[in-house]
Amino acid sequence: MLRGPATTTQRIVDSITAAIVERRLMPGTKLAEQRLADIFEVSRTVVRQALNQLSRDRLITLEPARGAFVATPSVEEAHQVFELRQLLEGAMMRLLVQRITPAQVRELRTHLQAEQTAIALNDVAERTRLLAHFHSLLARMTGNQVLEELQADLLSRSSLISLMYQSSQSASESSAEHAAIVDALEQRQLQAAVQLAEAHIEQVERNLRLDPRVPDLAEALKEHL
């Protein structure tokens, strides 16, 4: 079936976004237009449209005379992204405690089982995808499409930040925190759900190496003197 230009452009955007979220594309990776055109079997014009959209979403940077690169978020941007995520997660809990259905709770429980399976199998790509998708599920379950779109943007940018600043948080720890959030939602415990969700995002940020110690030059080189 033939794809229209808009559909093809979105396919490229979705593929690159997924590769970033799933840690298959690293910050700073060059995205050559002709190479992408060959991979997706489209014109460079269509590729350029996709890259422009990704640039607006701040997932890539377009540099004059150099081309497109996967973005490398600054420390300040990282703090701002997680600050907004913390606010958003708390807001989602306030909506979900009122709206969540037994069927949605079951869906979340099934998702948690998938997380645990991927963790047990040490399937890094799958567990990374599932841990991020948990938050996408929560956003979808609010029924607010604008919130869902905002969450998707923040999750993509968070994935880039985690790649750059090497999170030390274990997958098991994150999944356990997800399970506690689901418990609170199922019991419609508003205060607990908000506190757990906000604490979870705070913990994710805390485990990033956003403030690396800059050593003395002599200390850094002494082993080779």
N, C-alpha and C. Protein backbone atom coordinates (compact mmCIF):
# COMPACT_ATOMS: atom_id res chain seq x y z
N MET A 1 0.85 -1.19 0.00
CA MET A 1 0.00 0.00 0.00
C MET A 1 0.88 1.24 0.00
N LEU A 2 0.56 2.20 -0.85
CA LEU A 2 1.34 3.43 -0.93
C LEU A 2 1.07 4.30 0.29
N ARG A 3 2.12 4.95 0.73
CA ARG A 3 1.99 5.84 1.88
C ARG A 3 2.01 7.28 1.40
N GLY A 4 1.17 8.11 1.97
CA GLY A 4 1.22 9.52 1.66
C GLY A 4 2.40 10.17 2.35
N PRO A 5 2.82 11.36 1.89
CA PRO A 5 3.98 12.04 2.47
C PRO A 5 3.87 12.24 3.97
N ALA A 6 2.68 12.66 4.44
CA ALA A 6 2.52 12.91 5.88
C ALA A 6 2.71 11.63 6.68
N THR A 7 2.12 10.53 6.17
CA THR A 7 2.24 9.25 6.85
C THR A 7 3.69 8.78 6.87
N THR A 8 4.39 8.94 5.74
CA THR A 8 5.79 8.53 5.66
C THR A 8 6.65 9.36 6.59
N THR A 9 6.40 10.65 6.63
CA THR A 9 7.15 11.53 7.53
C THR A 9 6.97 11.09 8.98
N GLN A 10 5.73 10.81 9.35
CA GLN A 10 5.46 10.40 10.73
C GLN A 10 6.11 9.05 11.03
N ARG A 11 6.17 8.17 10.03
CA ARG A 11 6.81 6.87 10.23
C ARG A 11 8.29 7.05 10.57
N ILE A 12 8.95 7.98 9.90
CA ILE A 12 10.36 8.25 10.17
C ILE A 12 10.52 8.86 11.56
N VAL A 13 9.64 9.81 11.88
CA VAL A 13 9.67 10.44 13.21
C VAL A 13 9.49 9.39 14.30
N ASP A 14 8.50 8.53 14.12
CA ASP A 14 8.22 7.50 15.13
C ASP A 14 9.38 6.52 15.27
N SER A 15 10.00 6.15 14.16
CA SER A 15 11.11 5.20 14.20
C SER A 15 12.32 5.77 14.94
N ILE A 16 12.65 7.03 14.65
CA ILE A 16 13.79 7.66 15.31
C ILE A 16 13.49 7.89 16.79
N THR A 17 12.26 8.32 17.09
CA THR A 17 11.87 8.52 18.48
C THR A 17 11.96 7.23 19.27
N ALA A 18 11.46 6.13 18.70
CA ALA A 18 11.51 4.84 19.38
C ALA A 18 12.96 4.40 19.60
N ALA A 19 13.81 4.64 18.63
CA ALA A 19 15.22 4.26 18.77
C ALA A 19 15.89 5.03 19.89
N ILE A 20 15.48 6.28 20.09
CA ILE A 20 16.02 7.08 21.19
C ILE A 20 15.51 6.57 22.53
N VAL A 21 14.19 6.37 22.60
CA VAL A 21 13.57 5.90 23.85
C VAL A 21 14.13 4.55 24.27
N GLU A 22 14.37 3.68 23.29
CA GLU A 22 14.85 2.33 23.59
C GLU A 22 16.37 2.24 23.63
N ARG A 23 17.04 3.41 23.58
CA ARG A 23 18.49 3.51 23.76
C ARG A 23 19.28 2.82 22.66
N ARG A 24 18.72 2.86 21.44
CA ARG A 24 19.45 2.33 20.30
C ARG A 24 20.16 3.45 19.54
N LEU A 25 19.75 4.69 19.77
CA LEU A 25 20.42 5.86 19.20
C LEU A 25 20.94 6.70 20.35
N MET A 26 22.24 6.95 20.36
CA MET A 26 22.87 7.67 21.46
C MET A 26 22.90 9.17 21.20
N PRO A 27 22.93 9.97 22.27
CA PRO A 27 23.10 11.42 22.09
C PRO A 27 24.34 11.73 21.26
N GLY A 28 24.20 12.67 20.35
CA GLY A 28 25.32 13.06 19.51
C GLY A 28 25.46 12.28 18.22
N THR A 29 24.64 11.23 18.03
CA THR A 29 24.72 10.43 16.81
C THR A 29 24.31 11.28 15.60
N LYS A 30 25.13 11.23 14.55
CA LYS A 30 24.80 11.98 13.33
C LYS A 30 23.72 11.25 12.56
N LEU A 31 22.74 12.00 12.07
CA LEU A 31 21.64 11.46 11.28
C LEU A 31 21.76 12.01 9.86
N ALA A 32 22.49 11.30 9.02
CA ALA A 32 22.74 11.77 7.66
C ALA A 32 21.48 11.64 6.80
N GLU A 33 21.12 12.71 6.12
CA GLU A 33 19.89 12.71 5.34
C GLU A 33 19.87 11.60 4.29
N GLN A 34 20.95 11.47 3.52
CA GLN A 34 20.95 10.48 2.45
C GLN A 34 20.86 9.06 3.01
N ARG A 35 21.56 8.82 4.12
CA ARG A 35 21.50 7.49 4.74
C ARG A 35 20.08 7.17 5.19
N LEU A 36 19.41 8.13 5.81
CA LEU A 36 18.03 7.93 6.24
C LEU A 36 17.11 7.73 5.04
N ALA A 37 17.34 8.49 3.98
CA ALA A 37 16.53 8.34 2.77
C ALA A 37 16.66 6.93 2.21
N ASP A 38 17.88 6.40 2.25
CA ASP A 38 18.10 5.04 1.75
C ASP A 38 17.41 4.00 2.64
N ILE A 39 17.52 4.19 3.95
CA ILE A 39 16.93 3.24 4.90
C ILE A 39 15.41 3.18 4.74
N PHE A 40 14.79 4.35 4.65
CA PHE A 40 13.32 4.41 4.59
C PHE A 40 12.78 4.41 3.17
N GLU A 41 13.70 4.42 2.18
CA GLU A 41 13.31 4.40 0.77
C GLU A 41 12.38 5.56 0.43
N VAL A 42 12.83 6.74 0.82
CA VAL A 42 12.07 7.96 0.54
C VAL A 42 13.03 9.02 0.02
N SER A 43 12.48 10.16 -0.37
CA SER A 43 13.32 11.25 -0.83
C SER A 43 13.94 11.99 0.35
N ARG A 44 15.01 12.73 0.07
CA ARG A 44 15.63 13.53 1.13
C ARG A 44 14.69 14.63 1.60
N THR A 45 13.78 15.06 0.74
CA THR A 45 12.80 16.08 1.15
C THR A 45 11.92 15.56 2.28
N VAL A 46 11.47 14.30 2.16
CA VAL A 46 10.64 13.71 3.22
C VAL A 46 11.45 13.55 4.49
N VAL A 47 12.70 13.11 4.35
CA VAL A 47 13.59 12.98 5.52
C VAL A 47 13.75 14.32 6.20
N ARG A 48 13.95 15.36 5.40
CA ARG A 48 14.15 16.70 5.97
C ARG A 48 12.91 17.15 6.75
N GLN A 49 11.73 16.82 6.25
CA GLN A 49 10.50 17.16 6.98
C GLN A 49 10.47 16.45 8.34
N ALA A 50 10.87 15.18 8.36
CA ALA A 50 10.89 14.43 9.62
C ALA A 50 11.91 15.02 10.58
N LEU A 51 13.08 15.37 10.07
CA LEU A 51 14.12 15.93 10.93
C LEU A 51 13.69 17.29 11.49
N ASN A 52 12.99 18.08 10.69
CA ASN A 52 12.50 19.36 11.19
C ASN A 52 11.51 19.16 12.33
N GLN A 53 10.63 18.14 12.19
CA GLN A 53 9.67 17.86 13.26
C GLN A 53 10.39 17.40 14.53
N LEU A 54 11.38 16.53 14.38
CA LEU A 54 12.14 16.05 15.53
C LEU A 54 12.93 17.20 16.19
N SER A 55 13.36 18.14 15.38
CA SER A 55 14.06 19.31 15.92
C SER A 55 13.10 20.16 16.75
N ARG A 56 11.87 20.33 16.27
CA ARG A 56 10.87 21.10 17.03
C ARG A 56 10.56 20.39 18.35
N ASP A 57 10.63 19.07 18.35
CA ASP A 57 10.39 18.29 19.57
C ASP A 57 11.64 18.23 20.46
N ARG A 58 12.73 18.84 19.99
CA ARG A 58 14.00 18.93 20.74
C ARG A 58 14.64 17.56 20.96
N LEU A 59 14.35 16.62 20.06
CA LEU A 59 15.01 15.32 20.13
C LEU A 59 16.27 15.29 19.28
N ILE A 60 16.35 16.18 18.30
CA ILE A 60 17.58 16.32 17.53
C ILE A 60 17.93 17.80 17.41
N THR A 61 19.15 18.05 17.02
CA THR A 61 19.58 19.43 16.75
C THR A 61 20.02 19.50 15.29
N LEU A 62 19.68 20.59 14.63
CA LEU A 62 20.09 20.83 13.25
C LEU A 62 21.17 21.90 13.26
N GLU A 63 22.33 21.54 12.77
CA GLU A 63 23.46 22.46 12.79
C GLU A 63 23.83 22.86 11.37
N PRO A 64 23.90 24.18 11.09
CA PRO A 64 24.25 24.64 9.74
C PRO A 64 25.56 24.04 9.26
N ALA A 65 25.56 23.55 8.03
CA ALA A 65 26.74 22.99 7.36
C ALA A 65 27.24 21.69 7.98
N ARG A 66 26.58 21.22 9.05
CA ARG A 66 27.00 19.96 9.67
C ARG A 66 25.92 18.90 9.61
N GLY A 67 24.66 19.30 9.67
CA GLY A 67 23.58 18.34 9.56
C GLY A 67 22.83 18.12 10.86
N ALA A 68 22.19 16.96 10.96
CA ALA A 68 21.33 16.62 12.10
C ALA A 68 22.04 15.67 13.04
N PHE A 69 21.82 15.88 14.35
CA PHE A 69 22.42 15.04 15.37
C PHE A 69 21.38 14.78 16.46
N VAL A 70 21.42 13.57 17.03
CA VAL A 70 20.60 13.31 18.21
C VAL A 70 21.00 14.31 19.29
N ALA A 71 20.02 14.91 19.93
CA ALA A 71 20.28 16.00 20.87
C ALA A 71 21.11 15.55 22.06
N THR A 72 21.83 16.49 22.62
CA THR A 72 22.63 16.27 23.84
C THR A 72 22.15 17.26 24.89
N PRO A 73 21.14 16.90 25.68
CA PRO A 73 20.54 17.85 26.63
C PRO A 73 21.56 18.34 27.67
N SER A 74 21.42 19.60 28.04
CA SER A 74 22.27 20.18 29.08
C SER A 74 21.77 19.76 30.46
N VAL A 75 22.60 19.97 31.47
CA VAL A 75 22.22 19.67 32.84
C VAL A 75 21.00 20.50 33.24
N GLU A 76 20.99 21.77 32.86
CA GLU A 76 19.86 22.64 33.21
C GLU A 76 18.58 22.15 32.57
N GLU A 77 18.66 21.73 31.30
CA GLU A 77 17.48 21.20 30.63
C GLU A 77 17.01 19.93 31.33
N ALA A 78 17.95 19.10 31.75
CA ALA A 78 17.59 17.86 32.46
C ALA A 78 16.81 18.17 33.72
N HIS A 79 17.28 19.13 34.50
CA HIS A 79 16.56 19.51 35.73
C HIS A 79 15.15 20.00 35.40
N GLN A 80 15.04 20.79 34.33
CA GLN A 80 13.73 21.34 33.96
C GLN A 80 12.78 20.25 33.50
N VAL A 81 13.28 19.29 32.73
CA VAL A 81 12.44 18.18 32.26
C VAL A 81 11.90 17.38 33.43
N PHE A 82 12.76 17.06 34.39
CA PHE A 82 12.30 16.25 35.51
C PHE A 82 11.43 17.04 36.48
N GLU A 83 11.67 18.34 36.57
CA GLU A 83 10.78 19.17 37.37
C GLU A 83 9.36 19.14 36.80
N LEU A 84 9.27 19.26 35.46
CA LEU A 84 7.95 19.22 34.83
C LEU A 84 7.33 17.84 34.91
N ARG A 85 8.16 16.79 34.76
CA ARG A 85 7.63 15.44 34.88
C ARG A 85 7.04 15.18 36.26
N GLN A 86 7.72 15.70 37.27
CA GLN A 86 7.22 15.50 38.64
C GLN A 86 5.86 16.16 38.82
N LEU A 87 5.71 17.37 38.30
CA LEU A 87 4.43 18.07 38.37
C LEU A 87 3.35 17.31 37.60
N LEU A 88 3.71 16.82 36.42
CA LEU A 88 2.75 16.14 35.57
C LEU A 88 2.30 14.81 36.18
N GLU A 89 3.24 14.07 36.75
CA GLU A 89 2.88 12.79 37.35
C GLU A 89 1.91 12.99 38.53
N GLY A 90 2.16 14.01 39.33
CA GLY A 90 1.25 14.29 40.44
C GLY A 90 -0.14 14.64 39.94
N ALA A 91 -0.18 15.43 38.86
CA ALA A 91 -1.48 15.80 38.28
C ALA A 91 -2.20 14.58 37.72
N MET A 92 -1.47 13.68 37.11
CA MET A 92 -2.09 12.46 36.57
C MET A 92 -2.69 11.61 37.68
N MET A 93 -2.00 11.55 38.81
CA MET A 93 -2.53 10.76 39.92
C MET A 93 -3.86 11.33 40.41
N ARG A 94 -3.94 12.66 40.46
CA ARG A 94 -5.18 13.30 40.92
C ARG A 94 -6.34 12.97 39.99
N LEU A 95 -6.06 12.87 38.69
CA LEU A 95 -7.10 12.50 37.74
C LEU A 95 -7.43 11.00 37.82
N LEU A 96 -6.38 10.19 37.90
CA LEU A 96 -6.59 8.75 37.84
C LEU A 96 -7.28 8.18 39.07
N VAL A 97 -6.99 8.74 40.23
CA VAL A 97 -7.65 8.24 41.45
C VAL A 97 -9.16 8.33 41.30
N GLN A 98 -9.63 9.34 40.59
CA GLN A 98 -11.07 9.51 40.38
C GLN A 98 -11.59 8.67 39.21
N ARG A 99 -10.75 8.46 38.18
CA ARG A 99 -11.25 7.92 36.93
C ARG A 99 -10.88 6.47 36.65
N ILE A 100 -9.84 5.96 37.27
CA ILE A 100 -9.32 4.65 36.87
C ILE A 100 -10.36 3.56 37.08
N THR A 101 -10.41 2.64 36.14
CA THR A 101 -11.39 1.55 36.18
C THR A 101 -10.70 0.23 36.58
N PRO A 102 -11.47 -0.74 37.03
CA PRO A 102 -10.88 -2.06 37.34
C PRO A 102 -10.17 -2.66 36.13
N ALA A 103 -10.71 -2.46 34.94
CA ALA A 103 -10.06 -2.99 33.73
C ALA A 103 -8.70 -2.33 33.51
N GLN A 104 -8.60 -1.03 33.78
CA GLN A 104 -7.32 -0.34 33.63
C GLN A 104 -6.31 -0.81 34.67
N VAL A 105 -6.78 -1.06 35.88
CA VAL A 105 -5.89 -1.60 36.91
C VAL A 105 -5.33 -2.96 36.46
N ARG A 106 -6.20 -3.79 35.89
CA ARG A 106 -5.75 -5.09 35.40
C ARG A 106 -4.72 -4.93 34.29
N GLU A 107 -4.95 -3.94 33.42
CA GLU A 107 -3.98 -3.68 32.34
C GLU A 107 -2.63 -3.27 32.92
N LEU A 108 -2.65 -2.44 33.95
CA LEU A 108 -1.40 -2.04 34.60
C LEU A 108 -0.72 -3.22 35.27
N ARG A 109 -1.49 -4.10 35.88
CA ARG A 109 -0.92 -5.29 36.53
C ARG A 109 -0.25 -6.19 35.48
N THR A 110 -0.90 -6.33 34.33
CA THR A 110 -0.31 -7.13 33.25
C THR A 110 0.99 -6.50 32.77
N HIS A 111 0.98 -5.18 32.69
CA HIS A 111 2.20 -4.47 32.29
C HIS A 111 3.32 -4.70 33.30
N LEU A 112 3.00 -4.63 34.58
CA LEU A 112 4.01 -4.86 35.62
C LEU A 112 4.61 -6.26 35.50
N GLN A 113 3.79 -7.24 35.18
CA GLN A 113 4.30 -8.60 34.98
C GLN A 113 5.27 -8.65 33.81
N ALA A 114 4.96 -7.93 32.75
CA ALA A 114 5.86 -7.87 31.59
C ALA A 114 7.18 -7.21 31.97
N GLU A 115 7.11 -6.16 32.80
CA GLU A 115 8.34 -5.53 33.28
C GLU A 115 9.21 -6.54 34.02
N GLN A 116 8.59 -7.28 34.93
CA GLN A 116 9.33 -8.23 35.75
C GLN A 116 9.94 -9.34 34.90
N THR A 117 9.22 -9.78 33.88
CA THR A 117 9.75 -10.81 32.99
C THR A 117 10.97 -10.30 32.24
N ALA A 118 10.89 -9.08 31.71
CA ALA A 118 12.02 -8.51 30.98
C ALA A 118 13.22 -8.32 31.89
N ILE A 119 12.96 -7.93 33.14
CA ILE A 119 14.04 -7.74 34.11
C ILE A 119 14.70 -9.08 34.44
N ALA A 120 13.87 -10.10 34.65
CA ALA A 120 14.39 -11.42 34.98
C ALA A 120 15.22 -12.00 33.85
N LEU A 121 14.83 -11.71 32.61
CA LEU A 121 15.55 -12.21 31.44
C LEU A 121 16.74 -11.32 31.06
N ASN A 122 16.91 -10.23 31.81
CA ASN A 122 17.96 -9.25 31.53
C ASN A 122 17.88 -8.73 30.10
N ASP A 123 16.64 -8.54 29.63
CA ASP A 123 16.40 -8.00 28.30
C ASP A 123 16.39 -6.47 28.42
N VAL A 124 17.57 -5.88 28.23
CA VAL A 124 17.74 -4.45 28.51
C VAL A 124 16.83 -3.58 27.63
N ALA A 125 16.79 -3.89 26.34
CA ALA A 125 15.98 -3.07 25.42
C ALA A 125 14.50 -3.14 25.79
N GLU A 126 14.02 -4.35 26.08
CA GLU A 126 12.59 -4.51 26.37
C GLU A 126 12.23 -3.91 27.72
N ARG A 127 13.07 -4.11 28.72
CA ARG A 127 12.73 -3.55 30.03
C ARG A 127 12.78 -2.02 29.99
N THR A 128 13.71 -1.46 29.22
CA THR A 128 13.79 -0.01 29.07
C THR A 128 12.52 0.53 28.43
N ARG A 129 12.07 -0.15 27.38
CA ARG A 129 10.84 0.26 26.70
C ARG A 129 9.64 0.17 27.64
N LEU A 130 9.56 -0.94 28.38
CA LEU A 130 8.40 -1.15 29.26
C LEU A 130 8.38 -0.17 30.43
N LEU A 131 9.53 0.11 31.00
CA LEU A 131 9.58 1.04 32.13
C LEU A 131 9.13 2.44 31.71
N ALA A 132 9.47 2.83 30.50
CA ALA A 132 9.00 4.14 29.99
C ALA A 132 7.52 4.07 29.63
N HIS A 133 7.12 2.95 29.05
CA HIS A 133 5.73 2.82 28.58
C HIS A 133 4.74 2.83 29.73
N PHE A 134 5.17 2.43 30.92
CA PHE A 134 4.29 2.48 32.09
C PHE A 134 3.71 3.89 32.26
N HIS A 135 4.56 4.88 32.10
CA HIS A 135 4.13 6.27 32.27
C HIS A 135 3.24 6.72 31.11
N SER A 136 3.48 6.17 29.92
CA SER A 136 2.59 6.46 28.79
C SER A 136 1.20 5.89 29.04
N LEU A 137 1.15 4.68 29.62
CA LEU A 137 -0.14 4.06 29.94
C LEU A 137 -0.92 4.93 30.93
N LEU A 138 -0.25 5.40 31.96
CA LEU A 138 -0.92 6.25 32.95
C LEU A 138 -1.51 7.49 32.28
N ALA A 139 -0.73 8.11 31.41
CA ALA A 139 -1.21 9.32 30.73
C ALA A 139 -2.42 9.00 29.86
N ARG A 140 -2.38 7.89 29.12
CA ARG A 140 -3.51 7.51 28.27
C ARG A 140 -4.76 7.27 29.09
N MET A 141 -4.58 6.66 30.26
CA MET A 141 -5.73 6.30 31.09
C MET A 141 -6.43 7.51 31.70
N THR A 142 -5.78 8.67 31.68
CA THR A 142 -6.46 9.88 32.17
C THR A 142 -7.55 10.32 31.20
N GLY A 143 -7.44 9.91 29.94
CA GLY A 143 -8.40 10.34 28.93
C GLY A 143 -8.13 11.73 28.39
N ASN A 144 -7.00 12.33 28.78
CA ASN A 144 -6.65 13.68 28.33
C ASN A 144 -5.58 13.57 27.25
N GLN A 145 -5.96 13.79 26.00
CA GLN A 145 -5.04 13.59 24.88
C GLN A 145 -3.89 14.58 24.90
N VAL A 146 -4.13 15.81 25.30
CA VAL A 146 -3.07 16.81 25.36
C VAL A 146 -2.03 16.40 26.41
N LEU A 147 -2.50 15.92 27.54
CA LEU A 147 -1.60 15.45 28.58
C LEU A 147 -0.79 14.26 28.07
N GLU A 148 -1.45 13.37 27.34
CA GLU A 148 -0.77 12.19 26.79
C GLU A 148 0.35 12.60 25.83
N GLU A 149 0.08 13.58 25.00
CA GLU A 149 1.09 14.05 24.05
C GLU A 149 2.26 14.72 24.77
N LEU A 150 1.95 15.50 25.79
CA LEU A 150 3.00 16.15 26.58
C LEU A 150 3.86 15.11 27.28
N GLN A 151 3.23 14.09 27.83
CA GLN A 151 3.96 13.02 28.49
C GLN A 151 4.89 12.30 27.51
N ALA A 152 4.42 12.05 26.31
CA ALA A 152 5.25 11.36 25.30
C ALA A 152 6.49 12.18 24.98
N ASP A 153 6.32 13.49 24.86
CA ASP A 153 7.46 14.38 24.59
C ASP A 153 8.46 14.34 25.74
N LEU A 154 7.97 14.42 26.96
CA LEU A 154 8.86 14.42 28.12
C LEU A 154 9.58 13.08 28.29
N LEU A 155 8.88 11.98 28.00
CA LEU A 155 9.50 10.66 28.12
C LEU A 155 10.63 10.51 27.11
N SER A 156 10.44 11.00 25.89
CA SER A 156 11.50 10.92 24.89
C SER A 156 12.72 11.72 25.33
N ARG A 157 12.47 12.90 25.83
CA ARG A 157 13.59 13.73 26.28
C ARG A 157 14.25 13.14 27.53
N SER A 158 13.46 12.52 28.39
CA SER A 158 14.04 11.86 29.57
C SER A 158 14.95 10.71 29.17
N SER A 159 14.58 9.99 28.12
CA SER A 159 15.41 8.88 27.66
C SER A 159 16.78 9.37 27.20
N LEU A 160 16.79 10.49 26.47
CA LEU A 160 18.05 11.08 26.05
C LEU A 160 18.89 11.48 27.26
N ILE A 161 18.24 12.09 28.23
CA ILE A 161 18.95 12.54 29.43
C ILE A 161 19.54 11.35 30.18
N SER A 162 18.77 10.27 30.30
CA SER A 162 19.26 9.08 30.99
C SER A 162 20.46 8.47 30.27
N LEU A 163 20.44 8.51 28.94
CA LEU A 163 21.57 8.01 28.17
C LEU A 163 22.82 8.84 28.43
N MET A 164 22.64 10.16 28.46
CA MET A 164 23.80 11.05 28.61
C MET A 164 24.39 11.00 30.01
N TYR A 165 23.52 10.90 31.00
CA TYR A 165 23.99 11.08 32.38
C TYR A 165 23.96 9.80 33.21
N GLN A 166 23.85 8.65 32.52
CA GLN A 166 24.11 7.34 33.13
C GLN A 166 23.37 7.12 34.45
N SER A 167 22.11 6.81 34.35
CA SER A 167 21.31 6.53 35.54
C SER A 167 21.85 5.31 36.28
N SER A 168 21.91 5.43 37.61
CA SER A 168 22.36 4.30 38.43
C SER A 168 21.17 3.56 39.05
N GLN A 169 19.95 4.01 38.72
CA GLN A 169 18.77 3.37 39.29
C GLN A 169 18.54 2.02 38.63
N SER A 170 18.33 0.99 39.42
CA SER A 170 18.12 -0.34 38.88
C SER A 170 16.72 -0.46 38.30
N ALA A 171 16.59 -1.34 37.31
CA ALA A 171 15.28 -1.59 36.72
C ALA A 171 14.33 -2.18 37.75
N SER A 172 14.84 -3.04 38.62
CA SER A 172 14.00 -3.65 39.65
C SER A 172 13.44 -2.60 40.60
N GLU A 173 14.26 -1.63 40.94
CA GLU A 173 13.82 -0.54 41.83
C GLU A 173 12.70 0.26 41.17
N SER A 174 12.87 0.59 39.90
CA SER A 174 11.85 1.36 39.19
C SER A 174 10.55 0.57 39.10
N SER A 175 10.64 -0.72 38.79
CA SER A 175 9.44 -1.54 38.66
C SER A 175 8.71 -1.67 39.99
N ALA A 176 9.46 -1.79 41.08
CA ALA A 176 8.84 -1.88 42.41
C ALA A 176 8.09 -0.59 42.74
N GLU A 177 8.67 0.55 42.34
CA GLU A 177 8.00 1.83 42.56
C GLU A 177 6.74 1.94 41.71
N HIS A 178 6.79 1.39 40.50
CA HIS A 178 5.59 1.36 39.65
C HIS A 178 4.49 0.55 40.32
N ALA A 179 4.86 -0.59 40.89
CA ALA A 179 3.87 -1.46 41.54
C ALA A 179 3.20 -0.75 42.71
N ALA A 180 3.99 0.00 43.48
CA ALA A 180 3.43 0.73 44.62
C ALA A 180 2.44 1.80 44.15
N ILE A 181 2.74 2.43 43.02
CA ILE A 181 1.83 3.44 42.46
C ILE A 181 0.50 2.78 42.07
N VAL A 182 0.58 1.63 41.42
CA VAL A 182 -0.63 0.92 41.01
C VAL A 182 -1.46 0.51 42.23
N ASP A 183 -0.80 0.05 43.28
CA ASP A 183 -1.51 -0.31 44.51
C ASP A 183 -2.31 0.87 45.05
N ALA A 184 -1.66 2.04 45.07
CA ALA A 184 -2.33 3.24 45.60
C ALA A 184 -3.50 3.65 44.71
N LEU A 185 -3.33 3.54 43.41
CA LEU A 185 -4.42 3.88 42.50
C LEU A 185 -5.59 2.92 42.67
N GLU A 186 -5.28 1.64 42.79
CA GLU A 186 -6.35 0.65 42.93
C GLU A 186 -7.17 0.91 44.19
N GLN A 187 -6.49 1.35 45.25
CA GLN A 187 -7.16 1.62 46.52
C GLN A 187 -7.69 3.05 46.60
N ARG A 188 -7.49 3.80 45.52
CA ARG A 188 -7.94 5.20 45.42
C ARG A 188 -7.43 6.04 46.59
N GLN A 189 -6.16 5.85 46.89
CA GLN A 189 -5.50 6.62 47.96
C GLN A 189 -4.79 7.80 47.32
N LEU A 190 -5.47 8.93 47.29
CA LEU A 190 -4.97 10.09 46.56
C LEU A 190 -3.61 10.55 47.06
N GLN A 191 -3.50 10.81 48.34
CA GLN A 191 -2.25 11.35 48.88
C GLN A 191 -1.09 10.39 48.63
N ALA A 192 -1.32 9.11 48.87
CA ALA A 192 -0.26 8.13 48.67
C ALA A 192 0.15 8.05 47.20
N ALA A 193 -0.83 8.06 46.30
CA ALA A 193 -0.53 7.97 44.87
C ALA A 193 0.30 9.15 44.40
N VAL A 194 -0.09 10.36 44.83
CA VAL A 194 0.66 11.56 44.44
C VAL A 194 2.07 11.52 45.00
N GLN A 195 2.20 11.19 46.27
CA GLN A 195 3.53 11.15 46.90
C GLN A 195 4.42 10.11 46.24
N LEU A 196 3.87 8.93 45.97
CA LEU A 196 4.67 7.87 45.35
C LEU A 196 5.10 8.25 43.94
N ALA A 197 4.19 8.83 43.17
CA ALA A 197 4.52 9.20 41.79
C ALA A 197 5.59 10.29 41.76
N GLU A 198 5.42 11.31 42.60
CA GLU A 198 6.40 12.41 42.62
C GLU A 198 7.74 11.93 43.15
N ALA A 199 7.72 11.07 44.17
CA ALA A 199 8.96 10.54 44.73
C ALA A 199 9.69 9.66 43.71
N HIS A 200 8.93 8.94 42.91
CA HIS A 200 9.52 8.08 41.89
C HIS A 200 10.31 8.92 40.88
N ILE A 201 9.71 9.99 40.38
CA ILE A 201 10.40 10.85 39.40
C ILE A 201 11.60 11.52 40.06
N GLU A 202 11.44 11.95 41.31
CA GLU A 202 12.56 12.57 42.03
C GLU A 202 13.72 11.58 42.17
N GLN A 203 13.39 10.31 42.44
CA GLN A 203 14.42 9.29 42.59
C GLN A 203 15.13 9.02 41.27
N VAL A 204 14.36 8.99 40.18
CA VAL A 204 14.96 8.80 38.86
C VAL A 204 15.98 9.90 38.58
N GLU A 205 15.59 11.14 38.87
CA GLU A 205 16.52 12.26 38.63
C GLU A 205 17.73 12.17 39.56
N ARG A 206 17.49 11.81 40.81
CA ARG A 206 18.58 11.74 41.79
C ARG A 206 19.65 10.73 41.36
N ASN A 207 19.23 9.69 40.66
CA ASN A 207 20.16 8.65 40.25
C ASN A 207 20.91 8.97 38.97
N LEU A 208 20.63 10.13 38.39
CA LEU A 208 21.39 10.58 37.24
C LEU A 208 22.65 11.33 37.70
N ARG A 209 23.69 11.20 36.92
CA ARG A 209 24.94 11.89 37.26
C ARG A 209 24.92 13.29 36.65
N LEU A 210 24.06 14.14 37.22
CA LEU A 210 23.89 15.49 36.68
C LEU A 210 24.91 16.48 37.23
N ASP A 211 25.54 16.12 38.32
CA ASP A 211 26.52 17.02 38.94
C ASP A 211 27.84 16.29 39.18
N PRO A 212 28.50 15.86 38.09
CA PRO A 212 29.75 15.11 38.26
C PRO A 212 30.82 15.97 38.90
N ARG A 213 31.63 15.34 39.73
CA ARG A 213 32.72 16.06 40.38
C ARG A 213 33.82 16.32 39.36
N VAL A 214 34.27 17.56 39.28
CA VAL A 214 35.36 17.90 38.39
C VAL A 214 36.67 17.80 39.17
N PRO A 215 37.52 16.82 38.87
CA PRO A 215 38.71 16.61 39.67
C PRO A 215 39.80 17.63 39.36
N ASP A 216 40.71 17.77 40.29
CA ASP A 216 41.89 18.56 40.05
C ASP A 216 42.66 17.92 38.90
N LEU A 217 43.27 18.74 38.03
CA LEU A 217 43.94 18.21 36.84
C LEU A 217 45.06 17.25 37.21
N ALA A 218 45.85 17.63 38.22
CA ALA A 218 46.96 16.77 38.64
C ALA A 218 46.44 15.45 39.18
N GLU A 219 45.34 15.52 39.94
CA GLU A 219 44.76 14.29 40.48
C GLU A 219 44.27 13.37 39.38
N ALA A 220 43.66 13.97 38.35
CA ALA A 220 43.13 13.17 37.27
C ALA A 220 44.23 12.48 36.47
N LEU A 221 45.41 13.10 36.41
CA LEU A 221 46.49 12.58 35.57
C LEU A 221 47.57 11.84 36.35
N LYS A 222 47.48 11.81 37.68
CA LYS A 222 48.60 11.33 38.48
C LYS A 222 49.00 9.89 38.17
N GLU A 223 48.02 9.03 37.79
CA GLU A 223 48.35 7.64 37.52
C GLU A 223 49.25 7.49 36.31
N HIS A 224 49.33 8.52 35.47
CA HIS A 224 50.12 8.42 34.26
C HIS A 224 51.37 9.30 34.31
N LEU A 225 51.64 9.86 35.48
CA LEU A 225 52.85 10.70 35.61
C LEU A 225 54.06 9.85 35.96
